[in-house]
Amino acid sequence: MAPALRGARGPTPASGLSRRRSDSHGSDGAPRFTLLVEQTTATAGLLTKFARLLDPDLRPPVRAGGLWLVRPDGYVACSSSDTEVIARYLDDVIRPHAVAA
């Protein structure tokens, strides 16, 4: 299961958020993950590292201090107070774990 922000109110993984279709697509029309988070050096690093996956426009966080990663279909992928949790999730999207044969 995707990581969830412990002790914070807000949407949890697999929760849907009300979003406009335009919120989940980048300027090139490709589906993008969206970050609901305050602008910081760490979040800027996420945008740089995962530029092909993330919409470059940050949305306001649901609650102060929290980070929510929203899939292109509007469902919460994961939530945390640590950008490294979000980075690990996106790393797994890029490089899924190998299945043992």
Protein backbone atom coordinates (compact mmCIF):
# COMPACT_ATOMS: atom_id res chain seq x y z
CA MET A 1 0.00 0.00 0.00
CA ALA A 2 1.17 3.53 -0.68
CA PRO A 3 2.51 5.55 2.25
CA ALA A 4 0.05 7.73 4.12
CA LEU A 5 0.66 10.81 6.20
CA ARG A 6 0.24 9.66 9.80
CA GLY A 7 -1.64 11.81 12.25
CA ALA A 8 -2.76 14.36 9.70
CA ARG A 9 -6.20 15.01 8.36
CA GLY A 10 -6.66 14.95 4.66
CA PRO A 11 -7.08 12.54 1.82
CA THR A 12 -5.39 9.16 2.13
CA PRO A 13 -4.00 6.92 -0.62
CA ALA A 14 -6.75 5.65 -2.93
CA SER A 15 -9.00 8.58 -1.95
CA GLY A 16 -10.35 10.57 -4.85
CA LEU A 17 -10.05 14.33 -5.01
CA SER A 18 -12.41 16.57 -6.90
CA ARG A 19 -10.29 17.93 -9.74
CA ARG A 20 -10.71 19.46 -13.13
CA ARG A 21 -9.38 17.41 -16.04
CA SER A 22 -6.92 20.20 -16.82
CA ASP A 23 -5.36 19.72 -13.36
CA SER A 24 -3.91 16.34 -14.35
CA HIS A 25 -2.37 17.19 -17.70
CA GLY A 26 0.81 19.10 -18.43
CA SER A 27 1.23 21.74 -21.07
CA ASP A 28 1.95 19.02 -23.65
CA GLY A 29 -1.33 17.26 -22.83
CA ALA A 30 0.38 14.24 -21.25
CA PRO A 31 -1.03 12.87 -17.97
CA ARG A 32 0.91 14.11 -14.95
CA PHE A 33 1.04 13.49 -11.23
CA THR A 34 0.19 16.60 -9.22
CA LEU A 35 1.79 17.74 -5.97
CA LEU A 36 -0.34 19.45 -3.34
CA VAL A 37 2.43 21.04 -1.33
CA GLU A 38 4.07 24.31 -0.32
CA GLN A 39 6.98 25.51 -2.47
CA THR A 40 10.31 24.65 -0.81
CA THR A 41 13.80 23.76 -1.96
CA ALA A 42 12.93 20.09 -1.46
CA THR A 43 9.76 20.28 -3.56
CA ALA A 44 11.67 22.15 -6.27
CA GLY A 45 14.08 19.21 -6.27
CA LEU A 46 11.18 16.80 -6.82
CA LEU A 47 9.96 18.86 -9.75
CA THR A 48 13.43 18.80 -11.30
CA LYS A 49 14.13 15.11 -10.71
CA PHE A 50 10.71 13.93 -11.88
CA ALA A 51 9.97 16.56 -14.53
CA ARG A 52 8.52 13.96 -16.92
CA LEU A 53 6.04 12.71 -14.30
CA LEU A 54 5.04 15.82 -12.35
CA ASP A 55 2.94 18.78 -13.36
CA PRO A 56 5.29 21.74 -12.81
CA ASP A 57 2.51 23.79 -11.21
CA LEU A 58 2.20 23.03 -7.51
CA ARG A 59 -1.24 23.10 -5.91
CA PRO A 60 -1.86 24.28 -2.34
CA PRO A 61 -1.54 21.53 0.29
CA VAL A 62 -4.63 20.13 1.97
CA ARG A 63 -3.06 20.82 5.37
CA ALA A 64 0.04 22.80 6.32
CA GLY A 65 3.19 20.67 6.45
CA GLY A 66 1.79 17.86 4.36
CA LEU A 67 2.56 16.66 0.85
CA TRP A 68 0.03 14.88 -1.32
CA LEU A 69 0.90 13.21 -4.61
CA VAL A 70 -2.18 12.87 -6.80
CA ARG A 71 -2.33 10.49 -9.75
CA PRO A 72 -3.51 11.74 -13.14
CA ASP A 73 -6.89 10.07 -12.52
CA GLY A 74 -7.45 12.21 -9.42
CA TYR A 75 -6.74 9.58 -6.76
CA VAL A 76 -4.15 10.16 -4.02
CA ALA A 77 -1.04 8.09 -4.75
CA CYS A 78 0.63 8.81 -1.40
CA SER A 79 0.89 11.42 1.30
CA SER A 80 3.67 12.32 3.70
CA SER A 81 5.40 15.13 5.51
CA ASP A 82 8.72 14.04 3.94
CA THR A 83 9.64 14.67 0.30
CA GLU A 84 11.82 11.54 0.35
CA VAL A 85 8.69 9.38 0.69
CA ILE A 86 7.26 11.01 -2.42
CA ALA A 87 10.59 10.57 -4.23
CA ARG A 88 10.70 6.84 -3.39
CA TYR A 89 7.16 6.41 -4.68
CA LEU A 90 8.02 8.14 -7.96
CA ASP A 91 11.25 6.14 -8.24
CA ASP A 92 9.10 2.99 -8.05
CA VAL A 93 6.88 4.35 -10.83
CA ILE A 94 9.94 4.79 -13.02
CA ARG A 95 11.63 1.54 -12.00
CA PRO A 96 9.05 -1.01 -10.82
CA HIS A 97 10.36 -3.80 -8.65
CA ALA A 98 11.33 -6.91 -10.56
CA VAL A 99 9.07 -9.89 -10.04
CA ALA A 100 10.90 -13.09 -9.16
CA ALA A 101 10.48 -15.79 -11.76
